[in-house]
N, C-alpha and C. Protein backbone atom coordinates (compact mmCIF):
# COMPACT_ATOMS: atom_id res chain seq x y z
N UNK A 1 306.57 194.48 50.88
CA UNK A 1 306.82 194.80 49.50
C UNK A 1 307.17 193.50 48.78
N UNK A 2 306.53 193.25 47.66
CA UNK A 2 306.81 192.04 46.89
C UNK A 2 308.22 192.07 46.35
N UNK A 3 308.81 190.87 46.25
CA UNK A 3 310.12 190.79 45.61
C UNK A 3 309.96 191.09 44.13
N UNK A 4 310.94 191.76 43.59
CA UNK A 4 310.88 192.14 42.19
C UNK A 4 311.30 190.98 41.31
N UNK A 5 310.66 190.86 40.18
CA UNK A 5 311.02 189.84 39.21
C UNK A 5 312.32 190.26 38.53
N UNK A 6 312.65 189.67 37.41
CA UNK A 6 313.89 189.98 36.71
C UNK A 6 313.88 191.35 36.04
N UNK A 7 312.73 191.96 35.90
CA UNK A 7 312.63 193.27 35.27
C UNK A 7 313.18 194.34 36.20
N UNK A 8 313.72 195.38 35.61
CA UNK A 8 314.15 196.53 36.39
C UNK A 8 313.07 197.59 36.26
N UNK A 9 312.59 198.06 37.40
CA UNK A 9 311.53 199.04 37.42
C UNK A 9 312.10 200.44 37.57
N UNK A 10 311.42 201.40 36.99
CA UNK A 10 311.74 202.81 37.16
C UNK A 10 310.74 203.39 38.15
N UNK A 11 311.27 204.11 39.14
CA UNK A 11 310.40 204.70 40.15
C UNK A 11 310.79 206.16 40.36
N UNK A 12 309.80 206.96 40.71
CA UNK A 12 310.04 208.35 41.08
C UNK A 12 309.85 208.46 42.58
N UNK A 13 310.87 208.94 43.26
CA UNK A 13 310.80 209.07 44.72
C UNK A 13 310.54 210.52 45.08
N UNK A 14 309.41 210.75 45.71
CA UNK A 14 309.09 212.12 46.12
C UNK A 14 309.68 212.40 47.49
N UNK A 15 309.48 213.58 47.96
CA UNK A 15 310.10 214.01 49.22
C UNK A 15 309.66 213.16 50.40
N UNK A 16 308.43 212.68 50.40
CA UNK A 16 307.94 211.88 51.52
C UNK A 16 308.72 210.58 51.68
N UNK A 17 309.01 209.91 50.58
CA UNK A 17 309.78 208.67 50.64
C UNK A 17 311.18 208.94 51.18
N UNK A 18 311.81 210.01 50.67
CA UNK A 18 313.17 210.32 51.10
C UNK A 18 313.22 210.75 52.57
N UNK A 19 312.23 211.50 53.01
CA UNK A 19 312.18 211.87 54.43
C UNK A 19 311.88 210.65 55.30
N UNK A 20 311.03 209.74 54.82
CA UNK A 20 310.80 208.50 55.56
C UNK A 20 312.11 207.74 55.75
N UNK A 21 312.92 207.73 54.73
CA UNK A 21 314.22 207.05 54.81
C UNK A 21 315.15 207.74 55.80
N UNK A 22 315.21 209.05 55.75
CA UNK A 22 316.16 209.81 56.55
C UNK A 22 315.77 209.95 58.02
N UNK A 23 314.49 209.88 58.32
CA UNK A 23 314.00 210.10 59.68
C UNK A 23 313.38 208.80 60.19
N UNK A 24 314.11 208.12 61.05
CA UNK A 24 313.70 206.79 61.51
C UNK A 24 312.35 206.77 62.21
N UNK A 25 311.96 207.88 62.83
CA UNK A 25 310.70 207.92 63.57
C UNK A 25 309.48 207.94 62.67
N UNK A 26 309.68 208.21 61.39
CA UNK A 26 308.53 208.29 60.48
C UNK A 26 307.99 206.89 60.21
N UNK A 27 306.68 206.84 60.03
CA UNK A 27 305.97 205.57 59.88
C UNK A 27 306.46 204.72 58.71
N UNK A 28 306.83 205.35 57.61
CA UNK A 28 307.22 204.61 56.42
C UNK A 28 308.70 204.30 56.33
N UNK A 29 309.42 204.42 57.44
CA UNK A 29 310.88 204.26 57.40
C UNK A 29 311.32 202.91 56.83
N UNK A 30 310.72 201.82 57.30
CA UNK A 30 311.19 200.50 56.86
C UNK A 30 310.93 200.28 55.37
N UNK A 31 309.81 200.73 54.87
CA UNK A 31 309.53 200.60 53.43
C UNK A 31 310.48 201.46 52.61
N UNK A 32 310.72 202.67 53.09
CA UNK A 32 311.64 203.57 52.38
C UNK A 32 313.06 203.02 52.40
N UNK A 33 313.42 202.40 53.50
CA UNK A 33 314.75 201.80 53.60
C UNK A 33 314.90 200.68 52.57
N UNK A 34 313.87 199.88 52.39
CA UNK A 34 313.91 198.79 51.39
C UNK A 34 314.02 199.37 49.99
N UNK A 35 313.29 200.43 49.70
CA UNK A 35 313.36 201.07 48.39
C UNK A 35 314.78 201.58 48.14
N UNK A 36 315.38 202.17 49.15
CA UNK A 36 316.75 202.67 49.00
C UNK A 36 317.73 201.52 48.75
N UNK A 37 317.56 200.41 49.46
CA UNK A 37 318.43 199.25 49.24
C UNK A 37 318.33 198.77 47.80
N UNK A 38 317.12 198.69 47.29
CA UNK A 38 316.93 198.26 45.90
C UNK A 38 317.55 199.25 44.92
N UNK A 39 317.46 200.53 45.25
CA UNK A 39 318.05 201.56 44.40
C UNK A 39 319.57 201.46 44.39
N UNK A 40 320.15 201.29 45.56
CA UNK A 40 321.61 201.18 45.67
C UNK A 40 322.11 199.93 44.96
N UNK A 41 321.35 198.85 45.03
CA UNK A 41 321.72 197.59 44.39
C UNK A 41 321.38 197.56 42.89
N UNK A 42 320.92 198.70 42.37
CA UNK A 42 320.55 198.82 40.95
C UNK A 42 319.45 197.86 40.53
N UNK A 43 318.56 197.54 41.46
CA UNK A 43 317.39 196.73 41.14
C UNK A 43 316.20 197.62 40.81
N UNK A 44 316.33 198.89 41.13
CA UNK A 44 315.38 199.92 40.75
C UNK A 44 316.17 201.05 40.11
N UNK A 45 315.60 201.65 39.09
CA UNK A 45 316.14 202.90 38.56
C UNK A 45 315.31 204.00 39.19
N UNK A 46 315.95 204.75 40.07
CA UNK A 46 315.21 205.72 40.87
C UNK A 46 315.47 207.14 40.40
N UNK A 47 314.39 207.89 40.35
CA UNK A 47 314.43 209.28 39.94
C UNK A 47 313.89 210.15 41.08
N UNK A 48 314.36 211.36 41.13
CA UNK A 48 313.79 212.37 42.00
C UNK A 48 313.96 213.72 41.31
N UNK A 49 313.38 214.74 41.89
CA UNK A 49 313.49 216.07 41.27
C UNK A 49 314.51 216.92 42.02
N UNK A 50 315.15 217.85 41.32
CA UNK A 50 316.10 218.74 41.98
C UNK A 50 315.47 219.52 43.14
N UNK A 51 314.23 219.94 42.99
CA UNK A 51 313.58 220.71 44.06
C UNK A 51 313.39 219.86 45.31
N UNK A 52 313.21 218.56 45.14
CA UNK A 52 313.10 217.66 46.28
C UNK A 52 314.39 217.68 47.10
N UNK A 53 315.52 217.66 46.43
CA UNK A 53 316.81 217.68 47.12
C UNK A 53 317.02 219.00 47.85
N UNK A 54 316.62 220.09 47.22
CA UNK A 54 316.72 221.41 47.86
C UNK A 54 315.84 221.46 49.10
N UNK A 55 314.63 220.95 48.97
CA UNK A 55 313.70 220.95 50.11
C UNK A 55 314.20 220.08 51.26
N UNK A 56 314.78 218.93 50.95
CA UNK A 56 315.34 218.07 51.99
C UNK A 56 316.45 218.80 52.73
N UNK A 57 317.32 219.46 51.99
CA UNK A 57 318.40 220.22 52.61
C UNK A 57 317.83 221.25 53.60
N UNK A 58 316.75 221.92 53.21
CA UNK A 58 316.12 222.93 54.06
C UNK A 58 315.40 222.30 55.25
N UNK A 59 314.61 221.26 55.01
CA UNK A 59 313.80 220.64 56.06
C UNK A 59 314.68 220.06 57.18
N UNK A 60 315.81 219.51 56.83
CA UNK A 60 316.68 218.86 57.81
C UNK A 60 317.60 219.83 58.55
N UNK A 61 317.44 221.13 58.34
CA UNK A 61 318.37 222.11 58.90
C UNK A 61 318.40 222.09 60.43
N UNK A 62 317.32 221.69 61.08
CA UNK A 62 317.30 221.64 62.55
C UNK A 62 317.74 220.29 63.11
N UNK A 63 317.86 219.30 62.22
CA UNK A 63 318.19 217.95 62.67
C UNK A 63 319.61 217.52 62.32
N UNK A 64 320.17 218.10 61.28
CA UNK A 64 321.50 217.71 60.81
C UNK A 64 322.35 218.95 60.56
N UNK A 65 323.66 218.77 60.66
CA UNK A 65 324.56 219.89 60.37
C UNK A 65 324.58 220.15 58.87
N UNK A 66 325.11 221.29 58.50
CA UNK A 66 325.21 221.61 57.08
C UNK A 66 326.08 220.58 56.35
N UNK A 67 327.15 220.17 56.97
CA UNK A 67 328.03 219.17 56.36
C UNK A 67 327.30 217.85 56.16
N UNK A 68 326.54 217.42 57.16
CA UNK A 68 325.77 216.18 57.04
C UNK A 68 324.74 216.29 55.92
N UNK A 69 324.07 217.43 55.86
CA UNK A 69 323.05 217.61 54.81
C UNK A 69 323.69 217.60 53.43
N UNK A 70 324.85 218.20 53.29
CA UNK A 70 325.55 218.18 52.00
C UNK A 70 325.94 216.75 51.62
N UNK A 71 326.40 215.98 52.59
CA UNK A 71 326.76 214.59 52.32
C UNK A 71 325.55 213.77 51.89
N UNK A 72 324.41 214.01 52.52
CA UNK A 72 323.17 213.32 52.13
C UNK A 72 322.83 213.64 50.68
N UNK A 73 322.86 214.91 50.32
CA UNK A 73 322.52 215.31 48.95
C UNK A 73 323.51 214.72 47.96
N UNK A 74 324.79 214.76 48.28
CA UNK A 74 325.80 214.18 47.40
C UNK A 74 325.57 212.69 47.19
N UNK A 75 325.23 212.00 48.26
CA UNK A 75 324.96 210.55 48.15
C UNK A 75 323.71 210.30 47.30
N UNK A 76 322.69 211.08 47.52
CA UNK A 76 321.48 210.93 46.71
C UNK A 76 321.79 211.18 45.23
N UNK A 77 322.65 212.12 44.94
CA UNK A 77 323.01 212.41 43.55
C UNK A 77 323.76 211.24 42.91
N UNK A 78 324.44 210.45 43.72
CA UNK A 78 325.11 209.25 43.21
C UNK A 78 324.11 208.13 42.90
N UNK A 79 323.02 208.11 43.64
CA UNK A 79 322.04 207.02 43.54
C UNK A 79 320.95 207.32 42.53
N UNK A 80 320.43 208.54 42.53
CA UNK A 80 319.24 208.89 41.75
C UNK A 80 319.58 209.58 40.45
N UNK A 81 318.67 209.42 39.53
CA UNK A 81 318.68 210.23 38.32
C UNK A 81 317.72 211.40 38.56
N UNK A 82 318.06 212.56 38.00
CA UNK A 82 317.19 213.72 38.18
C UNK A 82 316.28 213.88 36.98
C-alpha cells in the first residue's frame, strides 16, 4: 500500500475488510491491519455501515464469545463513522 500524502482520505470499509482484519488466517489480513492502523491514527477517515457491524457480530459467533464480540463492535464504533 502506498504511503499517504498529506491529504486525509475518506474510505468505506465493507465487511470483507473488517473480517480480514479480525481473522488472521484470511488472505487480506496484513492489508486490512494497515488500513486499521491508519484509521486509528486518524490518517484515514473510515466509514462503515451499521448492518456490517451487525453481520460481524453474527459471523463471529462461533469464534468469539459474546463479550468479545461486543468489545469488537464498541471499538469499531470508536474508530469508524457510520
